[in-house]
Amino acid sequence: MADWLAQMKALDGASPATITAYAGDVGRWLAFMADHQGGGQGLAALAATSRADLRAFMAHEQGRGVGARSLARRLSAVKSFTRWISDRSATDATALLAVRAPRHRRKLPRPLAEDAARAVLDDVGAEARQDWIGARDAAVVTLLYGCGLRISEALGLRGADHPLPEVLRIVGKGGKERLVPVLPVARSAVARYVAQCDFDISRDGPLFLGARGGPLSPRLVQLAMEKARARLGLPASATPHALRHSFATHLLTAGGDLRAIQELLGHASLSTTQAYTAVDAARLAEVYARAHPRA
């Protein structure tokens, strides 16, 4: 199992979060099979697992209250591990690999309205206990909305990235690289933070620092957003990640090309980006129903 996880990290570029999740999923699978079959399982036995065994595992997990999305990930992890074992034990796992994941309805992104997104950028950090901390929080959320970054990508920037260039090279999920244009307002926000920061920012260290000079925790950005949305009367869905959703939705509403937005977000599949078309269509339908004289 450790060898399989190492290969996922080295060859497939899986993120630490994916490695942890898949390790947990397969660990649950192995524990279930040991109980289901009445003892430990060797490699050959695991590779020859039947579809009925896998369905029994899925039913067991569903009975524990595991949702459809998590079940799909469990199945993906077990298939990946079984395929890896099969390749090394000369067994045929075709039947098991053909098992389909349960259907689940993908949740639509919940972006902020354009005026709400602007209000968040103006308000975040307004009541921070130190000016430089307020400037820091404002700089981070400006990058999330202005560049469509994930919070991990924004906090992964290094001191050497300042001053921000007109185009940033971002390494996202799975080690996938993309080029992201940086708006002047984002560059200015980061420059203000650096100028006010109480600590020296080293080229090799993180660009965004916490109150004690260490790396900034994502939780502190989330807390800053929680306080801002409370002051602005925004819903609980107004999270840091919602700013990334807002970036994509507002670009699409303004006529942005779906393929270009996919590249800007770093989505591996266009189907992931297409969720924003559903959001835009839903918004248009709402406006139509509210405004049409015969509605």
Protein backbone atom coordinates (compact mmCIF):
# COMPACT_ATOMS: atom_id res chain seq x y z
CA MET A 1 0.00 0.00 0.00
CA ALA A 2 2.85 2.37 0.81
CA ASP A 3 4.43 1.60 -2.58
CA TRP A 4 1.14 2.34 -4.33
CA LEU A 5 0.76 5.67 -2.52
CA ALA A 6 4.37 6.57 -3.34
CA GLN A 7 3.70 5.90 -7.02
CA MET A 8 0.58 8.07 -6.94
CA LYS A 9 2.61 10.92 -5.51
CA ALA A 10 5.65 10.51 -7.78
CA LEU A 11 4.06 9.60 -11.13
CA ASP A 12 0.50 10.88 -10.91
CA GLY A 13 1.29 14.08 -9.02
CA ALA A 14 -1.42 13.43 -6.42
CA SER A 15 -1.72 16.09 -3.74
CA PRO A 16 -1.04 15.34 -0.05
CA ALA A 17 -4.78 15.66 0.62
CA THR A 18 -5.57 13.08 -2.07
CA ILE A 19 -2.90 10.72 -0.73
CA THR A 20 -4.35 10.98 2.77
CA ALA A 21 -7.91 10.46 1.55
CA TYR A 22 -7.04 7.47 -0.64
CA ALA A 23 -4.99 5.87 2.15
CA GLY A 24 -7.99 6.16 4.47
CA ASP A 25 -10.37 4.78 1.84
CA VAL A 26 -8.23 1.74 1.09
CA GLY A 27 -7.58 1.21 4.79
CA ARG A 28 -11.34 0.97 5.32
CA TRP A 29 -11.59 -1.42 2.38
CA LEU A 30 -8.87 -3.71 3.76
CA ALA A 31 -10.48 -3.71 7.20
CA PHE A 32 -13.85 -4.55 5.69
CA MET A 33 -12.42 -7.39 3.58
CA ALA A 34 -10.60 -8.89 6.57
CA ASP A 35 -13.89 -8.99 8.47
CA HIS A 36 -15.95 -9.99 5.42
CA GLN A 37 -13.67 -12.90 4.48
CA GLY A 38 -12.76 -13.86 8.02
CA GLY A 39 -9.06 -13.06 7.96
CA GLY A 40 -6.23 -11.10 6.38
CA GLN A 41 -6.09 -10.85 2.60
CA GLY A 42 -3.04 -11.57 0.47
CA LEU A 43 -2.31 -9.69 -2.75
CA ALA A 44 -3.71 -12.40 -4.99
CA ALA A 45 -6.94 -12.60 -2.98
CA LEU A 46 -7.39 -8.84 -3.13
CA ALA A 47 -6.77 -8.75 -6.86
CA ALA A 48 -9.38 -11.45 -7.36
CA THR A 49 -12.03 -9.67 -5.30
CA SER A 50 -15.49 -10.18 -6.77
CA ARG A 51 -17.98 -7.51 -7.76
CA ALA A 52 -20.26 -8.84 -5.02
CA ASP A 53 -17.54 -8.17 -2.43
CA LEU A 54 -17.13 -4.62 -3.66
CA ARG A 55 -20.88 -4.02 -3.67
CA ALA A 56 -21.03 -5.38 -0.11
CA PHE A 57 -18.35 -2.87 0.90
CA MET A 58 -20.23 -0.01 -0.74
CA ALA A 59 -23.47 -1.06 0.98
CA HIS A 60 -21.62 -1.24 4.30
CA GLU A 61 -20.24 2.27 3.88
CA GLN A 62 -23.61 3.61 2.78
CA GLY A 63 -25.12 2.06 5.90
CA ARG A 64 -22.61 4.05 7.96
CA GLY A 65 -24.05 7.23 6.45
CA VAL A 66 -21.33 7.85 3.85
CA GLY A 67 -22.71 10.08 1.05
CA ALA A 68 -22.67 9.43 -2.68
CA ARG A 69 -19.68 11.70 -3.37
CA SER A 70 -17.56 10.04 -0.70
CA LEU A 71 -18.67 6.59 -1.90
CA ALA A 72 -17.52 7.49 -5.40
CA ARG A 73 -14.11 8.48 -4.03
CA ARG A 74 -13.90 5.26 -2.00
CA LEU A 75 -14.62 3.26 -5.13
CA SER A 76 -12.03 5.21 -7.13
CA ALA A 77 -9.39 4.54 -4.47
CA VAL A 78 -10.16 0.82 -4.28
CA LYS A 79 -10.11 0.50 -8.07
CA SER A 80 -6.78 2.29 -8.30
CA PHE A 81 -5.25 0.07 -5.62
CA THR A 82 -6.70 -3.10 -7.16
CA ARG A 83 -5.44 -2.15 -10.62
CA TRP A 84 -1.97 -1.60 -9.14
CA ILE A 85 -2.05 -5.01 -7.43
CA SER A 86 -3.39 -6.70 -10.57
CA ASP A 87 -0.53 -5.35 -12.66
CA ARG A 88 1.95 -6.91 -10.22
CA SER A 89 0.25 -10.25 -9.60
CA ALA A 90 -0.78 -11.20 -13.15
CA THR A 91 -4.44 -11.41 -12.15
CA ASP A 92 -7.49 -10.18 -14.02
CA ALA A 93 -9.41 -7.46 -12.17
CA THR A 94 -11.59 -6.49 -15.14
CA ALA A 95 -14.87 -7.40 -13.44
CA LEU A 96 -14.16 -5.33 -10.35
CA LEU A 97 -12.89 -2.36 -12.33
CA ALA A 98 -16.17 -2.33 -14.28
CA VAL A 99 -18.22 -1.53 -11.15
CA ARG A 100 -19.76 1.92 -11.48
CA ALA A 101 -19.87 4.58 -8.83
CA PRO A 102 -23.24 5.64 -7.41
CA ARG A 103 -24.77 8.62 -9.13
CA HIS A 104 -24.64 11.90 -7.29
CA ARG A 105 -25.82 15.35 -8.16
CA ARG A 106 -22.93 17.76 -8.38
CA LYS A 107 -23.44 20.80 -6.21
CA LEU A 108 -23.47 24.05 -8.13
CA PRO A 109 -20.91 26.69 -7.14
CA ARG A 110 -22.35 29.48 -5.01
CA PRO A 111 -20.67 32.72 -6.12
CA LEU A 112 -21.19 36.16 -4.67
CA ALA A 113 -22.91 38.90 -6.62
CA GLU A 114 -20.50 41.40 -8.17
CA ASP A 115 -21.37 44.17 -5.72
CA ALA A 116 -21.01 41.75 -2.79
CA ALA A 117 -17.59 40.62 -4.00
CA ARG A 118 -16.44 44.24 -4.22
CA ALA A 119 -17.82 44.93 -0.76
CA VAL A 120 -15.88 41.98 0.67
CA LEU A 121 -12.60 43.24 -0.81
CA ASP A 122 -13.23 46.66 0.73
CA ASP A 123 -14.33 45.31 4.11
CA VAL A 124 -12.00 42.39 4.87
CA GLY A 125 -9.36 43.49 7.35
CA ALA A 126 -11.21 46.69 8.23
CA GLU A 127 -11.32 45.76 11.92
CA ALA A 128 -8.02 43.88 12.18
CA ARG A 129 -6.08 44.51 15.37
CA GLN A 130 -3.08 45.76 13.36
CA ASP A 131 -3.02 47.67 10.08
CA TRP A 132 -0.58 45.30 8.43
CA ILE A 133 -2.78 42.31 9.28
CA GLY A 134 -5.75 44.06 7.70
CA ALA A 135 -3.65 44.80 4.61
CA ARG A 136 -2.57 41.15 4.51
CA ASP A 137 -6.12 39.80 4.64
CA ALA A 138 -7.23 42.25 1.96
CA ALA A 139 -4.33 41.20 -0.27
CA VAL A 140 -5.16 37.49 0.05
CA VAL A 141 -8.87 37.87 -0.79
CA THR A 142 -8.02 40.19 -3.67
CA LEU A 143 -5.86 37.41 -5.14
CA LEU A 144 -8.67 34.88 -4.67
CA TYR A 145 -11.20 37.03 -6.50
CA GLY A 146 -8.89 38.88 -8.89
CA CYS A 147 -6.91 35.83 -10.05
CA GLY A 148 -9.22 32.92 -9.27
CA LEU A 149 -6.65 31.28 -6.99
CA ARG A 150 -7.38 28.55 -4.49
CA ILE A 151 -6.54 29.62 -0.94
CA SER A 152 -3.71 27.05 -0.85
CA GLU A 153 -2.26 28.58 -4.03
CA ALA A 154 -2.38 32.12 -2.65
CA LEU A 155 -0.78 31.08 0.63
CA GLY A 156 1.78 29.05 -1.30
CA LEU A 157 3.30 32.19 -2.83
CA ARG A 158 6.87 32.88 -1.73
CA GLY A 159 8.69 36.05 -0.88
CA ALA A 160 10.51 35.77 -4.21
CA ASP A 161 7.16 36.25 -5.99
CA HIS A 162 7.04 39.88 -4.78
CA PRO A 163 6.65 42.27 -6.47
CA LEU A 164 4.00 40.28 -8.30
CA PRO A 165 4.56 40.09 -12.06
CA GLU A 166 1.85 40.74 -14.62
CA VAL A 167 1.53 36.98 -15.08
CA LEU A 168 1.99 34.43 -12.28
CA ARG A 169 3.00 30.82 -12.79
CA ILE A 170 0.85 28.80 -10.40
CA VAL A 171 1.30 25.13 -9.53
CA GLY A 172 -2.13 23.78 -8.66
CA LYS A 173 -3.67 20.41 -7.90
CA GLY A 174 -1.77 17.41 -9.18
CA GLY A 175 1.26 19.59 -9.94
CA LYS A 176 -0.58 21.14 -12.90
CA GLU A 177 0.97 24.46 -13.89
CA ARG A 178 -0.94 27.39 -15.31
CA LEU A 179 -0.32 31.04 -16.11
CA VAL A 180 -2.59 33.56 -14.39
CA PRO A 181 -2.74 37.26 -15.28
CA VAL A 182 -2.47 39.51 -12.21
CA LEU A 183 -4.62 42.63 -12.14
CA PRO A 184 -2.96 45.91 -11.08
CA VAL A 185 -5.33 46.07 -8.08
CA ALA A 186 -4.00 42.72 -6.87
CA ARG A 187 -0.38 43.75 -7.30
CA SER A 188 -1.08 46.99 -5.41
CA ALA A 189 -2.84 45.15 -2.58
CA VAL A 190 0.12 42.80 -2.11
CA ALA A 191 2.58 45.70 -2.29
CA ARG A 192 0.68 47.56 0.46
CA TYR A 193 0.78 44.50 2.68
CA VAL A 194 4.52 43.95 2.16
CA ALA A 195 5.25 47.62 2.88
CA GLN A 196 3.34 47.49 6.18
CA CYS A 197 4.33 43.98 7.32
CA ASP A 198 5.97 43.90 10.77
CA PHE A 199 8.33 41.11 9.69
CA ASP A 200 11.03 40.76 7.07
CA ILE A 201 9.76 38.57 4.23
CA SER A 202 12.55 36.31 2.98
CA ARG A 203 12.76 35.26 -0.64
CA ASP A 204 12.64 31.58 0.32
CA GLY A 205 9.87 31.95 2.92
CA PRO A 206 6.11 32.40 2.58
CA LEU A 207 4.85 35.70 1.23
CA PHE A 208 1.93 35.84 3.64
CA LEU A 209 2.81 35.72 7.33
CA GLY A 210 0.84 35.22 10.52
CA ALA A 211 0.85 37.56 13.52
CA ARG A 212 3.96 35.83 14.94
CA GLY A 213 5.90 35.76 11.69
CA GLY A 214 5.15 32.17 10.70
CA PRO A 215 3.22 30.99 7.63
CA LEU A 216 -0.33 32.31 7.47
CA SER A 217 -2.95 29.68 8.31
CA PRO A 218 -5.90 29.26 5.91
CA ARG A 219 -8.16 29.29 8.96
CA LEU A 220 -7.25 32.92 9.67
CA VAL A 221 -8.36 33.90 6.16
CA GLN A 222 -11.61 32.02 6.73
CA LEU A 223 -12.14 33.88 10.01
CA ALA A 224 -11.54 37.22 8.31
CA MET A 225 -14.18 36.30 5.72
CA GLU A 226 -16.61 35.22 8.44
CA LYS A 227 -16.29 38.59 10.16
CA ALA A 228 -16.67 40.49 6.88
CA ARG A 229 -19.78 38.59 5.82
CA ALA A 230 -21.33 39.16 9.27
CA ARG A 231 -20.75 42.91 8.93
CA LEU A 232 -22.09 42.91 5.36
CA GLY A 233 -25.04 40.61 6.01
CA LEU A 234 -23.88 37.98 3.50
CA PRO A 235 -24.85 34.28 3.69
CA ALA A 236 -22.66 31.54 5.14
CA SER A 237 -21.75 30.50 1.58
CA ALA A 238 -19.58 33.65 1.32
CA THR A 239 -16.32 31.80 1.99
CA PRO A 240 -12.80 32.34 0.60
CA HIS A 241 -13.44 29.63 -2.00
CA ALA A 242 -16.65 31.41 -3.04
CA LEU A 243 -14.42 34.25 -4.28
CA ARG A 244 -12.81 31.82 -6.73
CA HIS A 245 -16.30 30.76 -7.84
CA SER A 246 -17.20 34.44 -8.20
CA PHE A 247 -14.11 35.06 -10.36
CA ALA A 248 -15.20 32.35 -12.82
CA THR A 249 -18.91 33.20 -12.82
CA HIS A 250 -18.38 36.92 -13.36
CA LEU A 251 -15.95 36.27 -16.21
CA LEU A 252 -18.47 33.95 -17.85
CA THR A 253 -21.28 36.48 -17.39
CA ALA A 254 -19.13 39.12 -19.08
CA GLY A 255 -18.68 36.86 -22.11
CA GLY A 256 -15.51 35.01 -21.16
CA ASP A 257 -14.61 31.89 -23.13
CA LEU A 258 -15.24 28.65 -21.23
CA ARG A 259 -11.95 27.08 -22.34
CA ALA A 260 -10.01 30.16 -21.28
CA ILE A 261 -11.73 30.13 -17.87
CA GLN A 262 -10.84 26.43 -17.54
CA GLU A 263 -7.18 27.30 -18.08
CA LEU A 264 -7.30 30.21 -15.64
CA LEU A 265 -8.82 28.01 -12.94
CA GLY A 266 -6.52 25.07 -13.61
CA HIS A 267 -9.35 22.56 -14.04
CA ALA A 268 -8.20 19.27 -15.54
CA SER A 269 -11.61 18.65 -17.10
CA LEU A 270 -13.87 21.07 -18.96
CA SER A 271 -16.88 19.40 -17.32
CA THR A 272 -15.79 20.88 -13.98
CA THR A 273 -15.75 24.38 -15.47
CA GLN A 274 -19.11 23.83 -17.16
CA ALA A 275 -20.77 23.92 -13.73
CA TYR A 276 -20.46 27.71 -13.97
CA THR A 277 -22.65 27.75 -17.09
CA ALA A 278 -25.43 26.18 -15.00
CA VAL A 279 -24.98 28.90 -12.37
CA ASP A 280 -25.22 31.60 -15.03
CA ALA A 281 -28.27 29.97 -16.62
CA ALA A 282 -29.98 29.73 -13.23
CA ARG A 283 -29.28 33.42 -12.57
CA LEU A 284 -30.66 34.41 -15.98
CA ALA A 285 -33.80 32.34 -15.38
CA GLU A 286 -34.31 34.06 -12.03
CA VAL A 287 -33.95 37.51 -13.60
CA TYR A 288 -36.34 36.50 -16.38
CA ALA A 289 -38.99 35.24 -13.94
CA ARG A 290 -38.70 38.36 -11.82
CA ALA A 291 -38.64 40.93 -14.62
CA HIS A 292 -40.79 39.61 -17.45
CA PRO A 293 -44.20 41.37 -17.50
CA ARG A 294 -46.06 38.08 -18.09
CA ALA A 295 -44.15 36.12 -15.46
